[in-house]
């Protein structure tokens, strides 16, 4: 098998894990939203969103921190939409 195909297969495996974890994250966000509604807490917490992005950047060994920040911003936006459903 060509090296390119081997790498693509590895990427596919990583993508499967990403989807699995994103689904898990969305389920947790929906549960959190339900609890916040019951307790009368604001659904959106900008400070927490900022902390999540900063933590992801700190955990990353990748040199392109801006790209990671954009990715996490999109994840948070999608999760915010899920909370409002």
Protein backbone atom coordinates (compact mmCIF):
# COMPACT_ATOMS: atom_id res chain seq x y z
CA UNK A 1 0.00 0.00 0.00
CA UNK A 2 1.28 3.42 -0.83
CA UNK A 3 2.34 5.69 1.98
CA UNK A 4 -0.39 8.18 1.03
CA UNK A 5 -3.08 5.52 1.42
CA UNK A 6 -1.70 4.46 4.79
CA UNK A 7 -1.83 8.04 6.03
CA UNK A 8 -5.36 8.49 4.65
CA UNK A 9 -6.48 5.40 6.54
CA UNK A 10 -5.01 6.82 9.73
CA UNK A 11 -6.82 10.10 9.09
CA UNK A 12 -10.07 8.17 8.61
CA UNK A 13 -9.54 6.47 11.97
CA UNK A 14 -8.90 9.82 13.65
CA UNK A 15 -12.01 11.27 11.99
CA UNK A 16 -14.10 8.40 13.39
CA UNK A 17 -12.83 9.18 16.89
CA UNK A 18 -13.47 12.89 16.41
CA UNK A 19 -17.08 12.20 15.40
CA UNK A 20 -17.53 9.86 18.36
CA UNK A 21 -16.25 12.49 20.78
CA UNK A 22 -18.23 15.31 19.17
CA UNK A 23 -21.39 13.25 19.54
CA UNK A 24 -20.54 12.62 23.17
CA UNK A 25 -19.86 16.32 23.70
CA UNK A 26 -23.20 17.27 22.14
CA UNK A 27 -25.04 14.83 24.39
CA UNK A 28 -23.31 16.28 27.45
CA UNK A 29 -24.10 19.82 26.33
CA UNK A 30 -27.77 18.95 25.93
CA UNK A 31 -27.83 17.46 29.43
CA UNK A 32 -26.06 20.54 30.81
CA UNK A 33 -28.58 22.77 29.08
CA UNK A 34 -31.46 20.81 30.63
CA UNK A 35 -29.95 21.21 34.10
CA UNK A 36 -29.31 24.92 33.58
CA UNK A 37 -32.93 25.45 32.54
CA UNK A 38 -34.20 23.59 35.61
CA UNK A 39 -31.95 25.68 37.86
CA UNK A 40 -32.72 28.96 36.08
CA UNK A 41 -29.11 29.50 35.00
CA UNK A 42 -28.23 31.30 31.76
CA UNK A 43 -27.58 28.80 28.97
CA UNK A 44 -24.76 30.80 27.37
CA UNK A 45 -21.62 31.41 29.44
CA UNK A 46 -19.11 33.44 27.44
CA UNK A 47 -16.47 33.18 30.16
CA UNK A 48 -16.70 29.38 30.16
CA UNK A 49 -16.50 29.33 26.35
CA UNK A 50 -13.34 31.43 26.51
CA UNK A 51 -11.85 29.10 29.14
CA UNK A 52 -12.60 26.03 26.99
CA UNK A 53 -10.82 27.55 23.98
CA UNK A 54 -7.84 28.65 26.07
CA UNK A 55 -7.57 25.19 27.64
CA UNK A 56 -7.64 23.50 24.24
CA UNK A 57 -4.87 25.78 23.02
CA UNK A 58 -2.77 25.02 26.11
CA UNK A 59 -3.27 21.27 25.63
CA UNK A 60 -2.19 21.40 22.01
CA UNK A 61 1.32 20.65 20.90
CA UNK A 62 0.46 21.98 17.46
CA UNK A 63 2.15 25.22 16.51
CA UNK A 64 -0.91 26.69 14.76
CA UNK A 65 -2.84 27.86 17.79
CA UNK A 66 -5.03 30.17 15.70
CA UNK A 67 -6.40 27.23 13.70
CA UNK A 68 -7.20 25.34 16.88
CA UNK A 69 -8.93 28.40 18.30
CA UNK A 70 -11.11 28.62 15.17
CA UNK A 71 -11.95 24.92 15.31
CA UNK A 72 -12.98 25.14 18.95
CA UNK A 73 -14.99 28.28 18.31
CA UNK A 74 -16.96 26.37 15.70
CA UNK A 75 -17.46 23.42 18.04
CA UNK A 76 -18.73 25.77 20.73
CA UNK A 77 -21.06 27.52 18.26
CA UNK A 78 -22.53 24.18 17.20
CA UNK A 79 -22.96 23.14 20.83
CA UNK A 80 -24.58 26.48 21.63
CA UNK A 81 -27.09 25.84 18.85
CA UNK A 82 -27.77 22.39 20.32
CA UNK A 83 -28.41 23.94 23.75
CA UNK A 84 -31.04 26.22 22.31
CA UNK A 85 -32.99 23.36 20.70
